[in-house]
């Protein structure tokens, strides 16, 4: 029974707690945003969690490299190193990616690629999926998507819905 408590219930509780705290912080941050000039970005809670996980896997890799034993071989160390690498990439992605809305423009700063600037009046369609993910289109071309866990999501969607020229699909 102790194994189930330590390995399943406590981590599950921690994950749920992190999501609840993240949502509360997002709502408080959105209350202070101006509708004409704001940013849509990932919650800093997720950035910190990814950074901690990355440091944890780097620490495990270094520990098993410095103090090898019979139970760990090179594949385990490479596995930890791979988790650390992907955690670092994801952390950088969460920090770098953002949407800035400034008056009539949307500035999209992707993880890889160049910064793009779009007029809100050029947007032709918004498609909302079951998980509340919003995809924005100009013509038939997908421009970007916005995750409902992002800070500024609610203000972004309400701002675009005010424009009567934008077709909204659910």
Protein backbone atom coordinates (compact mmCIF):
# COMPACT_ATOMS: atom_id res chain seq x y z
CA UNK A 1 0.00 0.00 0.00
CA UNK A 2 2.87 2.39 0.76
CA UNK A 3 4.19 1.92 -2.76
CA UNK A 4 0.86 3.01 -4.26
CA UNK A 5 0.69 6.07 -2.02
CA UNK A 6 4.24 7.20 -2.77
CA UNK A 7 4.37 6.36 -6.46
CA UNK A 8 0.86 7.19 -7.70
CA UNK A 9 -1.31 9.20 -5.33
CA UNK A 10 1.20 11.82 -4.17
CA UNK A 11 2.54 12.65 -7.68
CA UNK A 12 -1.03 12.77 -9.05
CA UNK A 13 -2.04 15.13 -6.25
CA UNK A 14 1.02 17.31 -6.97
CA UNK A 15 0.16 17.52 -10.68
CA UNK A 16 -3.46 18.50 -9.97
CA UNK A 17 -2.26 21.08 -7.45
CA UNK A 18 0.15 22.58 -10.01
CA UNK A 19 -2.63 22.89 -12.61
CA UNK A 20 -4.96 24.57 -10.10
CA UNK A 21 -2.28 27.03 -8.96
CA UNK A 22 -1.38 27.77 -12.58
CA UNK A 23 -5.01 28.54 -13.45
CA UNK A 24 -5.38 30.84 -10.42
CA UNK A 25 -2.19 32.73 -11.33
CA UNK A 26 -3.36 33.01 -14.96
CA UNK A 27 -6.69 34.52 -13.95
CA UNK A 28 -5.04 37.05 -11.62
CA UNK A 29 -2.58 38.06 -14.34
CA UNK A 30 -5.38 38.42 -16.91
CA UNK A 31 -7.31 40.77 -14.62
CA UNK A 32 -4.40 43.24 -14.82
CA UNK A 33 -4.15 43.10 -18.64
CA UNK A 34 -5.33 45.84 -20.97
CA UNK A 35 -7.51 44.60 -23.86
CA UNK A 36 -5.62 46.68 -26.45
CA UNK A 37 -2.11 45.66 -25.44
CA UNK A 38 -1.30 42.32 -23.83
CA UNK A 39 0.69 39.08 -24.20
CA UNK A 40 -0.44 35.49 -24.54
CA UNK A 41 2.24 33.16 -23.18
CA UNK A 42 2.74 29.99 -21.20
CA UNK A 43 2.30 30.10 -17.46
CA UNK A 44 5.54 30.56 -15.54
CA UNK A 45 4.49 27.61 -13.37
CA UNK A 46 5.11 25.27 -16.29
CA UNK A 47 8.42 26.97 -17.10
CA UNK A 48 9.64 26.47 -13.53
CA UNK A 49 8.45 22.84 -13.47
CA UNK A 50 10.23 22.06 -16.75
CA UNK A 51 13.39 23.75 -15.49
CA UNK A 52 13.32 21.77 -12.23
CA UNK A 53 12.75 18.50 -14.12
CA UNK A 54 15.65 19.33 -16.43
CA UNK A 55 17.95 20.01 -13.47
CA UNK A 56 16.78 16.78 -11.82
CA UNK A 57 17.66 14.67 -14.87
CA UNK A 58 20.99 16.46 -15.34
CA UNK A 59 21.75 15.74 -11.66
CA UNK A 60 20.85 12.06 -12.07
CA UNK A 61 23.05 11.80 -15.16
CA UNK A 62 26.01 13.35 -13.36
CA UNK A 63 25.41 11.23 -10.24
CA UNK A 64 25.32 7.95 -12.18
CA UNK A 65 28.36 9.01 -14.21
CA UNK A 66 30.42 9.87 -11.12
CA UNK A 67 29.21 6.97 -8.97
CA UNK A 68 28.56 4.03 -11.30
CA UNK A 69 27.23 0.76 -9.94
CA UNK A 70 26.14 -2.57 -11.36
CA UNK A 71 22.46 -1.61 -11.68
CA UNK A 72 22.99 1.30 -14.08
CA UNK A 73 24.66 1.07 -17.42
CA UNK A 74 25.33 3.55 -20.22
CA UNK A 75 21.79 3.25 -21.64
CA UNK A 76 20.27 4.46 -18.36
CA UNK A 77 22.65 7.43 -18.30
CA UNK A 78 21.85 8.24 -21.95
CA UNK A 79 18.14 7.97 -21.14
CA UNK A 80 18.46 10.49 -18.31
CA UNK A 81 20.53 12.74 -20.58
CA UNK A 82 17.83 12.54 -23.27
CA UNK A 83 15.13 13.52 -20.74
CA UNK A 84 17.32 16.43 -19.63
CA UNK A 85 17.84 17.53 -23.25
CA UNK A 86 14.14 17.45 -24.13
CA UNK A 87 13.27 19.17 -20.85
CA UNK A 88 15.72 21.96 -21.67
CA UNK A 89 14.29 22.33 -25.19
CA UNK A 90 10.73 22.47 -23.84
CA UNK A 91 11.74 25.02 -21.18
CA UNK A 92 13.30 27.26 -23.84
CA UNK A 93 10.17 26.86 -25.97
CA UNK A 94 7.91 27.92 -23.09
CA UNK A 95 10.06 30.99 -22.42
CA UNK A 96 10.52 32.10 -26.03
CA UNK A 97 7.04 31.56 -27.54
CA UNK A 98 4.56 34.40 -27.20
CA UNK A 99 1.79 36.32 -28.90
CA UNK A 100 1.67 40.07 -28.39
CA UNK A 101 -1.46 41.99 -29.19
CA UNK A 102 -0.85 45.68 -29.74
CA UNK A 103 -3.91 47.66 -30.83
CA UNK A 104 -4.84 46.23 -34.26
CA UNK A 105 -1.81 43.93 -34.66
CA UNK A 106 -0.91 40.45 -33.49
CA UNK A 107 2.83 39.79 -33.23
CA UNK A 108 3.63 36.07 -33.28
CA UNK A 109 7.05 35.08 -31.90
CA UNK A 110 7.54 31.33 -32.52
CA UNK A 111 10.13 29.06 -30.94
CA UNK A 112 11.89 28.57 -34.28
CA UNK A 113 11.54 30.99 -37.15
CA UNK A 114 11.06 34.68 -37.54
CA UNK A 115 8.70 37.06 -35.80
CA UNK A 116 5.55 37.76 -37.83
CA UNK A 117 3.10 40.63 -37.61
CA UNK A 118 -0.58 40.25 -38.61
CA UNK A 119 -3.46 42.68 -38.76
CA UNK A 120 -6.42 41.51 -36.71
CA UNK A 121 -8.69 42.53 -39.58
CA UNK A 122 -6.87 40.03 -41.87
CA UNK A 123 -7.96 37.07 -39.72
CA UNK A 124 -10.78 35.23 -41.44
CA UNK A 125 -11.56 32.29 -39.16
CA UNK A 126 -11.12 30.97 -35.64
CA UNK A 127 -11.66 27.29 -34.97
CA UNK A 128 -12.21 26.07 -31.41
CA UNK A 129 -11.68 22.39 -30.64
CA UNK A 130 -13.14 20.18 -27.87
CA UNK A 131 -10.20 20.86 -25.55
CA UNK A 132 -10.75 24.65 -26.04
CA UNK A 133 -7.63 24.94 -28.20
CA UNK A 134 -8.12 27.87 -30.59
CA UNK A 135 -6.60 27.84 -34.09
CA UNK A 136 -6.41 31.13 -36.01
CA UNK A 137 -6.57 31.26 -39.82
CA UNK A 138 -5.94 33.85 -42.53
CA UNK A 139 -7.74 32.49 -45.55
CA UNK A 140 -7.18 28.72 -45.50
CA UNK A 141 -3.72 29.02 -43.93
CA UNK A 142 -3.28 28.21 -40.25
CA UNK A 143 -1.34 31.00 -38.58
CA UNK A 144 -0.99 29.80 -34.99
CA UNK A 145 -2.87 28.12 -32.16
CA UNK A 146 -3.52 29.22 -28.60
CA UNK A 147 -3.69 26.81 -25.67
CA UNK A 148 -6.39 27.41 -23.03
CA UNK A 149 -3.73 27.03 -20.31
CA UNK A 150 -1.86 30.09 -21.63
CA UNK A 151 -1.98 33.33 -19.70
CA UNK A 152 -4.09 35.80 -21.70
CA UNK A 153 -6.14 33.13 -23.50
CA UNK A 154 -9.54 34.45 -22.36
CA UNK A 155 -8.75 38.05 -23.26
CA UNK A 156 -7.37 36.96 -26.63
CA UNK A 157 -10.48 34.97 -27.56
CA UNK A 158 -12.87 37.69 -26.38
CA UNK A 159 -10.90 40.33 -28.32
CA UNK A 160 -11.11 38.33 -31.56
CA UNK A 161 -14.80 37.51 -31.07
CA UNK A 162 -15.62 41.24 -30.97
CA UNK A 163 -14.53 41.51 -34.61
CA UNK A 164 -17.63 40.69 -36.65
CA UNK A 165 -15.60 39.87 -39.81
CA UNK A 166 -14.01 36.83 -38.19
CA UNK A 167 -15.90 33.58 -38.70
CA UNK A 168 -16.02 31.44 -35.53
CA UNK A 169 -16.31 27.63 -35.71
CA UNK A 170 -16.78 25.23 -32.82
